[in-house]
Structure formats: structure tokens, C-alpha cells
């Protein structure tokens, strides 16, 4: 799903726990993030923004990315990481 938010019509979007998400800003923007628990770097998972398996029609081809996001693996690797984390949680 793609949701476009605009300054002219401020809104909030709730992303449920465990749902992968990404952001694209057409211009410099302020992004306010509320969370349900304290941030834990060990709980950070992700995949490359342009992985073909995502099939996301991003409106750019060369975005400015954080170092973390530049180094992310594939969607397949993300799925493997999620499965491993769930297996540990169930043990």
C-alpha cells in the first residue's frame, strides 16, 4: 500500500507492530515518529528499498539513503531474519 501525506492536509498514519514500512520524501520534510516501546537497535530489520520482490513503484531511482539503509540486504534475507527472530521468541 502506498499512502501520500501532504503538508496542506496534515494527517497521521498508524503502522501496526511488525509491519514493514518505508518512507519517501519529495522534498526536505519533518518526520515525527511515535513508537509503542523504547527503540532497540537489535530489533531493527529491513531490506533494500529497491528489491524487485517488493514491487514498490518508488518515484525515484537514486534516493539519498542513510548508511544503514544503503547496507540492507534483500527481501529474502529479511524474511529469513524474521523467521529466525520468531523461532528464538518461541523457544
PDB file of N, CA and C in Angstrom:
ATOM      1  N   UNK A   1       0.849  -1.161   0.000  1.00  0.00           N
ATOM      2  CA  UNK A   1       0.000   0.000   0.000  1.00  0.00           C
ATOM      3  C   UNK A   1       0.897   1.228   0.000  1.00  0.00           C
ATOM      4  N   UNK A   2       0.529   2.211  -0.737  1.00  0.00           N
ATOM      5  CA  UNK A   2       1.221   3.500  -0.726  1.00  0.00           C
ATOM      6  C   UNK A   2       0.244   4.556  -0.229  1.00  0.00           C
ATOM      7  N   UNK A   3       0.712   5.363   0.704  1.00  0.00           N
ATOM      8  CA  UNK A   3      -0.113   6.435   1.258  1.00  0.00           C
ATOM      9  C   UNK A   3       0.665   7.727   1.097  1.00  0.00           C
ATOM     10  N   UNK A   4       0.039   8.720   0.478  1.00  0.00           N
ATOM     11  CA  UNK A   4       0.701  10.010   0.314  1.00  0.00           C
ATOM     12  C   UNK A   4       0.143  10.986   1.335  1.00  0.00           C
ATOM     13  N   UNK A   5       1.055  11.589   2.108  1.00  0.00           N
ATOM     14  CA  UNK A   5       0.686  12.604   3.081  1.00  0.00           C
ATOM     15  C   UNK A   5       1.208  13.938   2.573  1.00  0.00           C
ATOM     16  N   UNK A   6       0.470  15.021   2.819  1.00  0.00           N
ATOM     17  CA  UNK A   6       0.864  16.335   2.318  1.00  0.00           C
ATOM     18  C   UNK A   6       0.742  17.381   3.417  1.00  0.00           C
ATOM     19  N   UNK A   7       1.609  18.387   3.364  1.00  0.00           N
ATOM     20  CA  UNK A   7       1.597  19.456   4.354  1.00  0.00           C
ATOM     21  C   UNK A   7       0.280  20.214   4.352  1.00  0.00           C
ATOM     22  N   UNK A   8      -0.349  20.300   3.180  1.00  0.00           N
ATOM     23  CA  UNK A   8      -1.602  21.044   3.076  1.00  0.00           C
ATOM     24  C   UNK A   8      -2.748  20.362   3.818  1.00  0.00           C
ATOM     25  N   UNK A   9      -2.641  19.066   4.020  1.00  0.00           N
ATOM     26  CA  UNK A   9      -3.671  18.305   4.733  1.00  0.00           C
ATOM     27  C   UNK A   9      -2.980  17.392   5.745  1.00  0.00           C
ATOM     28  N   UNK A  10      -2.506  17.976   6.853  1.00  0.00           N
ATOM     29  CA  UNK A  10      -1.769  17.171   7.843  1.00  0.00           C
ATOM     30  C   UNK A  10      -2.587  15.963   8.301  1.00  0.00           C
ATOM     31  N   UNK A  11      -1.906  14.850   8.472  1.00  0.00           N
ATOM     32  CA  UNK A  11      -2.565  13.623   8.899  1.00  0.00           C
ATOM     33  C   UNK A  11      -1.545  12.748   9.604  1.00  0.00           C
ATOM     34  N   UNK A  12      -2.044  11.740  10.273  1.00  0.00           N
ATOM     35  CA  UNK A  12      -1.189  10.761  10.930  1.00  0.00           C
ATOM     36  C   UNK A  12      -1.508   9.390  10.346  1.00  0.00           C
ATOM     37  N   UNK A  13      -0.531   8.537  10.361  1.00  0.00           N
ATOM     38  CA  UNK A  13      -0.683   7.180   9.857  1.00  0.00           C
ATOM     39  C   UNK A  13      -0.184   6.226  10.927  1.00  0.00           C
ATOM     40  N   UNK A  14      -0.983   5.248  11.283  1.00  0.00           N
ATOM     41  CA  UNK A  14      -0.575   4.238  12.261  1.00  0.00           C
ATOM     42  C   UNK A  14      -0.124   2.995  11.515  1.00  0.00           C
ATOM     43  N   UNK A  15       1.081   2.549  11.829  1.00  0.00           N
ATOM     44  CA  UNK A  15       1.629   1.337  11.221  1.00  0.00           C
ATOM     45  C   UNK A  15       1.697   0.287  12.324  1.00  0.00           C
ATOM     46  N   UNK A  16       0.959  -0.798  12.185  1.00  0.00           N
ATOM     47  CA  UNK A  16       0.938  -1.819  13.242  1.00  0.00           C
ATOM     48  C   UNK A  16       2.321  -2.437  13.490  1.00  0.00           C
ATOM     49  N   UNK A  17       2.533  -2.874  14.694  1.00  0.00           N
ATOM     50  CA  UNK A  17       3.763  -3.561  15.063  1.00  0.00           C
ATOM     51  C   UNK A  17       4.003  -4.734  14.123  1.00  0.00           C
ATOM     52  N   UNK A  18       5.231  -4.849  13.652  1.00  0.00           N
ATOM     53  CA  UNK A  18       5.592  -5.966  12.791  1.00  0.00           C
ATOM     54  C   UNK A  18       5.357  -5.745  11.314  1.00  0.00           C
ATOM     55  N   UNK A  19       4.794  -4.599  10.947  1.00  0.00           N
ATOM     56  CA  UNK A  19       4.533  -4.320   9.533  1.00  0.00           C
ATOM     57  C   UNK A  19       5.713  -3.534   8.960  1.00  0.00           C
ATOM     58  N   UNK A  20       6.323  -4.066   7.928  1.00  0.00           N
ATOM     59  CA  UNK A  20       7.434  -3.373   7.274  1.00  0.00           C
ATOM     60  C   UNK A  20       6.922  -2.094   6.626  1.00  0.00           C
ATOM     61  N   UNK A  21       7.753  -1.075   6.618  1.00  0.00           N
ATOM     62  CA  UNK A  21       7.338   0.195   6.041  1.00  0.00           C
ATOM     63  C   UNK A  21       8.563   0.983   5.586  1.00  0.00           C
ATOM     64  N   UNK A  22       8.335   1.882   4.677  1.00  0.00           N
ATOM     65  CA  UNK A  22       9.385   2.752   4.189  1.00  0.00           C
ATOM     66  C   UNK A  22       8.801   4.109   3.887  1.00  0.00           C
ATOM     67  N   UNK A  23       9.683   5.096   3.731  1.00  0.00           N
ATOM     68  CA  UNK A  23       9.237   6.460   3.510  1.00  0.00           C
ATOM     69  C   UNK A  23       9.998   7.076   2.351  1.00  0.00           C
ATOM     70  N   UNK A  24       9.318   7.921   1.615  1.00  0.00           N
ATOM     71  CA  UNK A  24       9.952   8.722   0.575  1.00  0.00           C
ATOM     72  C   UNK A  24       9.451  10.143   0.725  1.00  0.00           C
ATOM     73  N   UNK A  25      10.368  11.093   0.776  1.00  0.00           N
ATOM     74  CA  UNK A  25      10.012  12.498   0.880  1.00  0.00           C
ATOM     75  C   UNK A  25      10.414  13.191  -0.415  1.00  0.00           C
ATOM     76  N   UNK A  26       9.461  13.852  -1.068  1.00  0.00           N
ATOM     77  CA  UNK A  26       9.719  14.553  -2.326  1.00  0.00           C
ATOM     78  C   UNK A  26      10.603  15.780  -2.129  1.00  0.00           C
ATOM     79  N   UNK A  27      10.630  16.279  -0.892  1.00  0.00           N
ATOM     80  CA  UNK A  27      11.392  17.485  -0.564  1.00  0.00           C
ATOM     81  C   UNK A  27      11.801  17.394   0.897  1.00  0.00           C
ATOM     82  N   UNK A  28      12.720  18.250   1.354  1.00  0.00           N
ATOM     83  CA  UNK A  28      13.087  18.212   2.778  1.00  0.00           C
ATOM     84  C   UNK A  28      11.824  18.311   3.635  1.00  0.00           C
ATOM     85  N   UNK A  29      11.724  17.431   4.613  1.00  0.00           N
ATOM     86  CA  UNK A  29      10.499  17.314   5.403  1.00  0.00           C
ATOM     87  C   UNK A  29      10.807  17.021   6.860  1.00  0.00           C
ATOM     88  N   UNK A  30       9.837  17.278   7.707  1.00  0.00           N
ATOM     89  CA  UNK A  30       9.912  16.907   9.110  1.00  0.00           C
ATOM     90  C   UNK A  30       9.081  15.652   9.285  1.00  0.00           C
ATOM     91  N   UNK A  31       9.710  14.628   9.830  1.00  0.00           N
ATOM     92  CA  UNK A  31       9.059  13.334  10.016  1.00  0.00           C
ATOM     93  C   UNK A  31       9.022  13.064  11.515  1.00  0.00           C
ATOM     94  N   UNK A  32       7.837  13.024  12.083  1.00  0.00           N
ATOM     95  CA  UNK A  32       7.675  12.770  13.519  1.00  0.00           C
ATOM     96  C   UNK A  32       7.229  11.328  13.684  1.00  0.00           C
ATOM     97  N   UNK A  33       7.958  10.601  14.499  1.00  0.00           N
ATOM     98  CA  UNK A  33       7.745   9.168  14.673  1.00  0.00           C
ATOM     99  C   UNK A  33       7.331   8.906  16.115  1.00  0.00           C
ATOM    100  N   UNK A  34       6.185   8.320  16.350  1.00  0.00           N
ATOM    101  CA  UNK A  34       5.781   7.882  17.685  1.00  0.00           C
ATOM    102  C   UNK A  34       5.929   6.368  17.731  1.00  0.00           C
ATOM    103  N   UNK A  35       6.350   5.845  18.852  1.00  0.00           N
ATOM    104  CA  UNK A  35       6.577   4.405  18.967  1.00  0.00           C
ATOM    105  C   UNK A  35       5.855   3.845  20.186  1.00  0.00           C
ATOM    106  N   UNK A  36       5.670   2.541  20.182  1.00  0.00           N
ATOM    107  CA  UNK A  36       4.946   1.896  21.275  1.00  0.00           C
ATOM    108  C   UNK A  36       5.879   1.380  22.374  1.00  0.00           C
ATOM    109  N   UNK A  37       7.181   1.358  22.103  1.00  0.00           N
ATOM    110  CA  UNK A  37       8.145   0.937  23.111  1.00  0.00           C
ATOM    111  C   UNK A  37       9.501   1.548  22.799  1.00  0.00           C
ATOM    112  N   UNK A  38      10.395   1.494  23.781  1.00  0.00           N
ATOM    113  CA  UNK A  38      11.719   2.076  23.601  1.00  0.00           C
ATOM    114  C   UNK A  38      12.440   1.428  22.424  1.00  0.00           C
ATOM    115  N   UNK A  39      13.147   2.235  21.655  1.00  0.00           N
ATOM    116  CA  UNK A  39      13.866   1.754  20.481  1.00  0.00           C
ATOM    117  C   UNK A  39      14.985   0.808  20.891  1.00  0.00           C
ATOM    118  N   UNK A  40      15.079  -0.300  20.194  1.00  0.00           N
ATOM    119  CA  UNK A  40      16.103  -1.311  20.443  1.00  0.00           C
ATOM    120  C   UNK A  40      16.789  -1.612  19.114  1.00  0.00           C
ATOM    121  N   UNK A  41      18.063  -1.222  18.958  1.00  0.00           N
ATOM    122  CA  UNK A  41      18.754  -1.473  17.695  1.00  0.00           C
ATOM    123  C   UNK A  41      18.746  -2.944  17.277  1.00  0.00           C
ATOM    124  N   UNK A  42      18.687  -3.848  18.233  1.00  0.00           N
ATOM    125  CA  UNK A  42      18.665  -5.278  17.916  1.00  0.00           C
ATOM    126  C   UNK A  42      17.344  -5.683  17.264  1.00  0.00           C
ATOM    127  N   UNK A  43      16.346  -4.834  17.389  1.00  0.00           N
ATOM    128  CA  UNK A  43      15.017  -5.121  16.833  1.00  0.00           C
ATOM    129  C   UNK A  43      14.829  -4.481  15.456  1.00  0.00           C
ATOM    130  N   UNK A  44      15.889  -3.925  14.902  1.00  0.00           N
ATOM    131  CA  UNK A  44      15.819  -3.250  13.611  1.00  0.00           C
ATOM    132  C   UNK A  44      16.038  -4.253  12.484  1.00  0.00           C
ATOM    133  N   UNK A  45      15.056  -4.406  11.644  1.00  0.00           N
ATOM    134  CA  UNK A  45      15.169  -5.261  10.471  1.00  0.00           C
ATOM    135  C   UNK A  45      14.815  -4.427   9.244  1.00  0.00           C
ATOM    136  N   UNK A  46      15.271  -4.838   8.101  1.00  0.00           N
ATOM    137  CA  UNK A  46      14.935  -4.104   6.893  1.00  0.00           C
ATOM    138  C   UNK A  46      15.454  -4.820   5.667  1.00  0.00           C
ATOM    139  N   UNK A  47      15.107  -4.275   4.521  1.00  0.00           N
ATOM    140  CA  UNK A  47      15.616  -4.792   3.254  1.00  0.00           C
ATOM    141  C   UNK A  47      15.830  -3.622   2.306  1.00  0.00           C
ATOM    142  N   UNK A  48      16.519  -3.892   1.225  1.00  0.00           N
ATOM    143  CA  UNK A  48      16.787  -2.839   0.241  1.00  0.00           C
ATOM    144  C   UNK A  48      15.486  -2.238  -0.274  1.00  0.00           C
ATOM    145  N   UNK A  49      15.461  -0.952  -0.354  1.00  0.00           N
ATOM    146  CA  UNK A  49      14.268  -0.219  -0.794  1.00  0.00           C
ATOM    147  C   UNK A  49      13.839  -0.608  -2.203  1.00  0.00           C
ATOM    148  N   UNK A  50      14.813  -0.975  -3.037  1.00  0.00           N
ATOM    149  CA  UNK A  50      14.521  -1.251  -4.447  1.00  0.00           C
ATOM    150  C   UNK A  50      14.519  -2.740  -4.787  1.00  0.00           C
ATOM    151  N   UNK A  51      14.383  -3.596  -3.784  1.00  0.00           N
ATOM    152  CA  UNK A  51      14.352  -5.033  -4.051  1.00  0.00           C
ATOM    153  C   UNK A  51      13.161  -5.342  -4.958  1.00  0.00           C
ATOM    154  N   UNK A  52      13.387  -6.036  -6.065  1.00  0.00           N
ATOM    155  CA  UNK A  52      12.289  -6.335  -7.001  1.00  0.00           C
ATOM    156  C   UNK A  52      11.132  -7.101  -6.358  1.00  0.00           C
ATOM    157  N   UNK A  53      11.410  -7.876  -5.317  1.00  0.00           N
ATOM    158  CA  UNK A  53      10.361  -8.628  -4.649  1.00  0.00           C
ATOM    159  C   UNK A  53       9.332  -7.747  -3.963  1.00  0.00           C
ATOM    160  N   UNK A  54       9.704  -6.515  -3.651  1.00  0.00           N
ATOM    161  CA  UNK A  54       8.760  -5.588  -3.023  1.00  0.00           C
ATOM    162  C   UNK A  54       7.764  -5.025  -4.033  1.00  0.00           C
ATOM    163  N   UNK A  55       8.191  -4.889  -5.250  1.00  0.00           N
ATOM    164  CA  UNK A  55       7.341  -4.337  -6.329  1.00  0.00           C
ATOM    165  C   UNK A  55       6.744  -2.987  -5.952  1.00  0.00           C
ATOM    166  N   UNK A  56       7.555  -2.130  -5.349  1.00  0.00           N
ATOM    167  CA  UNK A  56       7.097  -0.789  -4.975  1.00  0.00           C
ATOM    168  C   UNK A  56       7.482   0.189  -6.081  1.00  0.00           C
ATOM    169  N   UNK A  57       6.527   0.927  -6.599  1.00  0.00           N
ATOM    170  CA  UNK A  57       6.826   1.890  -7.662  1.00  0.00           C
ATOM    171  C   UNK A  57       7.355   3.215  -7.094  1.00  0.00           C
ATOM    172  N   UNK A  58       8.535   3.191  -6.482  1.00  0.00           N
ATOM    173  CA  UNK A  58       9.102   4.409  -5.904  1.00  0.00           C
ATOM    174  C   UNK A  58       9.249   5.468  -7.001  1.00  0.00           C
ATOM    175  N   UNK A  59       9.007   6.734  -6.670  1.00  0.00           N
ATOM    176  CA  UNK A  59       9.069   7.793  -7.683  1.00  0.00           C
ATOM    177  C   UNK A  59      10.478   8.343  -7.920  1.00  0.00           C
ATOM    178  N   UNK A  60      11.503   7.558  -7.631  1.00  0.00           N
ATOM    179  CA  UNK A  60      12.881   7.995  -7.847  1.00  0.00           C
ATOM    180  C   UNK A  60      13.750   6.767  -8.103  1.00  0.00           C
ATOM    181  N   UNK A  61      14.947   7.012  -8.617  1.00  0.00           N
ATOM    182  CA  UNK A  61      15.867   5.899  -8.877  1.00  0.00           C
ATOM    183  C   UNK A  61      17.176   6.030  -8.114  1.00  0.00           C
ATOM    184  N   UNK A  62      17.446   7.201  -7.539  1.00  0.00           N
ATOM    185  CA  UNK A  62      18.694   7.423  -6.836  1.00  0.00           C
ATOM    186  C   UNK A  62      18.445   8.245  -5.569  1.00  0.00           C
ATOM    187  N   UNK A  63      17.775   7.663  -4.568  1.00  0.00           N
ATOM    188  CA  UNK A  63      17.428   8.437  -3.372  1.00  0.00           C
ATOM    189  C   UNK A  63      18.632   8.652  -2.453  1.00  0.00           C
ATOM    190  N   UNK A  64      18.536   9.657  -1.601  1.00  0.00           N
ATOM    191  CA  UNK A  64      19.514   9.857  -0.524  1.00  0.00           C
ATOM    192  C   UNK A  64      19.134   8.871   0.577  1.00  0.00           C
ATOM    193  N   UNK A  65      20.045   7.966   0.903  1.00  0.00           N
ATOM    194  CA  UNK A  65      19.769   6.927   1.902  1.00  0.00           C
ATOM    195  C   UNK A  65      20.724   7.044   3.078  1.00  0.00           C
ATOM    196  N   UNK A  66      20.269   6.596   4.233  1.00  0.00           N
ATOM    197  CA  UNK A  66      21.157   6.508   5.389  1.00  0.00           C
ATOM    198  C   UNK A  66      22.169   5.391   5.137  1.00  0.00           C
ATOM    199  N   UNK A  67      23.253   5.413   5.876  1.00  0.00           N
ATOM    200  CA  UNK A  67      24.253   4.346   5.752  1.00  0.00           C
ATOM    201  C   UNK A  67      23.611   2.990   6.037  1.00  0.00           C
ATOM    202  N   UNK A  68      22.781   2.938   7.061  1.00  0.00           N
ATOM    203  CA  UNK A  68      22.094   1.693   7.413  1.00  0.00           C
ATOM    204  C   UNK A  68      21.286   1.169   6.235  1.00  0.00           C
ATOM    205  N   UNK A  69      20.501   2.054   5.614  1.00  0.00           N
ATOM    206  CA  UNK A  69      19.637   1.628   4.512  1.00  0.00           C
ATOM    207  C   UNK A  69      20.433   1.229   3.271  1.00  0.00           C
ATOM    208  N   UNK A  70      21.578   1.876   3.047  1.00  0.00           N
ATOM    209  CA  UNK A  70      22.424   1.504   1.908  1.00  0.00           C
ATOM    210  C   UNK A  70      22.981   0.092   2.052  1.00  0.00           C
ATOM    211  N   UNK A  71      23.144  -0.369   3.290  1.00  0.00           N
ATOM    212  CA  UNK A  71      23.771  -1.665   3.544  1.00  0.00           C
ATOM    213  C   UNK A  71      22.780  -2.812   3.759  1.00  0.00           C
ATOM    214  N   UNK A  72      21.495  -2.556   3.642  1.00  0.00           N
ATOM    215  CA  UNK A  72      20.492  -3.595   3.866  1.00  0.00           C
ATOM    216  C   UNK A  72      20.545  -4.666   2.780  1.00  0.00           C
ATOM    217  N   UNK A  73      20.131  -5.864   3.150  1.00  0.00           N
ATOM    218  CA  UNK A  73      20.111  -6.985   2.224  1.00  0.00           C
ATOM    219  C   UNK A  73      18.794  -7.070   1.464  1.00  0.00           C
ATOM    220  N   UNK A  74      18.574  -8.220   0.906  1.00  0.00           N
ATOM    221  CA  UNK A  74      17.392  -8.452   0.073  1.00  0.00           C
ATOM    222  C   UNK A  74      16.142  -8.741   0.907  1.00  0.00           C
ATOM    223  N   UNK A  75      15.001  -8.731   0.245  1.00  0.00           N
ATOM    224  CA  UNK A  75      13.743  -9.119   0.882  1.00  0.00           C
ATOM    225  C   UNK A  75      13.829 -10.555   1.371  1.00  0.00           C
ATOM    226  N   UNK A  76      14.451 -11.414   0.609  1.00  0.00           N
ATOM    227  CA  UNK A  76      14.614 -12.811   1.006  1.00  0.00           C
ATOM    228  C   UNK A  76      15.417 -12.921   2.305  1.00  0.00           C
ATOM    229  N   UNK A  77      16.477 -12.120   2.419  1.00  0.00           N
ATOM    230  CA  UNK A  77      17.274 -12.121   3.656  1.00  0.00           C
ATOM    231  C   UNK A  77      16.460 -11.587   4.830  1.00  0.00           C
ATOM    232  N   UNK A  78      15.621 -10.602   4.585  1.00  0.00           N
ATOM    233  CA  UNK A  78      14.751 -10.075   5.641  1.00  0.00           C
ATOM    234  C   UNK A  78      13.795 -11.154   6.117  1.00  0.00           C
ATOM    235  N   UNK A  79      13.189 -11.864   5.198  1.00  0.00           N
ATOM    236  CA  UNK A  79      12.269 -12.947   5.581  1.00  0.00           C
ATOM    237  C   UNK A  79      12.986 -13.989   6.440  1.00  0.00           C
ATOM    238  N   UNK A  80      14.221 -14.339   6.059  1.00  0.00           N
ATOM    239  CA  UNK A  80      14.990 -15.301   6.844  1.00  0.00           C
ATOM    240  C   UNK A  80      15.264 -14.768   8.249  1.00  0.00           C
ATOM    241  N   UNK A  81      15.592 -13.478   8.363  1.00  0.00           N
ATOM    242  CA  UNK A  81      15.854 -12.868   9.663  1.00  0.00           C
ATOM    243  C   UNK A  81      14.604 -12.859  10.536  1.00  0.00           C
ATOM    244  N   UNK A  82      13.451 -12.570   9.932  1.00  0.00           N
ATOM    245  CA  UNK A  82      12.188 -12.569  10.692  1.00  0.00           C
ATOM    246  C   UNK A  82      11.879 -13.977  11.187  1.00  0.00           C
ATOM    247  N   UNK A  83      12.039 -14.953  10.324  1.00  0.00           N
ATOM    248  CA  UNK A  83      11.796 -16.345  10.736  1.00  0.00           C
ATOM    249  C   UNK A  83      12.719 -16.747  11.888  1.00  0.00           C
ATOM    250  N   UNK A  84      13.978 -16.360  11.800  1.00  0.00           N
ATOM    251  CA  UNK A  84      14.935 -16.694  12.869  1.00  0.00           C
ATOM    252  C   UNK A  84      14.549 -16.010  14.179  1.00  0.00           C
ATOM    253  N   UNK A  85      14.142 -14.728  14.100  1.00  0.00           N
ATOM    254  CA  UNK A  85      13.738 -13.992  15.312  1.00  0.00           C
ATOM    255  C   UNK A  85      12.483 -14.626  15.926  1.00  0.00           C
ATOM    256  N   UNK A  86      11.552 -15.047  15.109  1.00  0.00           N
ATOM    257  CA  UNK A  86      10.345 -15.689  15.627  1.00  0.00           C
ATOM    258  C   UNK A  86      10.671 -17.026  16.277  1.00  0.00           C
ATOM    259  N   UNK A  87      11.592 -17.767  15.695  1.00  0.00           N
ATOM    260  CA  UNK A  87      11.992 -19.058  16.271  1.00  0.00           C
ATOM    261  C   UNK A  87      12.617 -18.862  17.642  1.00  0.00           C
ATOM    262  N   UNK A  88      13.444 -17.830  17.787  1.00  0.00           N
ATOM    263  CA  UNK A  88      14.073 -17.535  19.094  1.00  0.00           C
ATOM    264  C   UNK A  88      13.014 -17.116  20.091  1.00  0.00           C
ATOM    265  N   UNK A  89      12.051 -16.301  19.657  1.00  0.00           N
ATOM    266  CA  UNK A  89      10.999 -15.830  20.553  1.00  0.00           C
ATOM    267  C   UNK A  89      10.118 -16.968  21.039  1.00  0.00           C
ATOM    268  N   UNK A  90       9.940 -17.971  20.211  1.00  0.00           N
ATOM    269  CA  UNK A  90       9.083 -19.107  20.582  1.00  0.00           C
ATOM    270  C   UNK A  90       9.798 -20.117  21.472  1.00  0.00           C
ATOM    271  N   UNK A  91      11.122 -20.071  21.460  1.00  0.00           N
ATOM    272  CA  UNK A  91      11.901 -21.067  22.226  1.00  0.00           C
ATOM    273  C   UNK A  91      11.871 -20.795  23.712  1.00  0.00           C
TER     274      UNK A  91
END
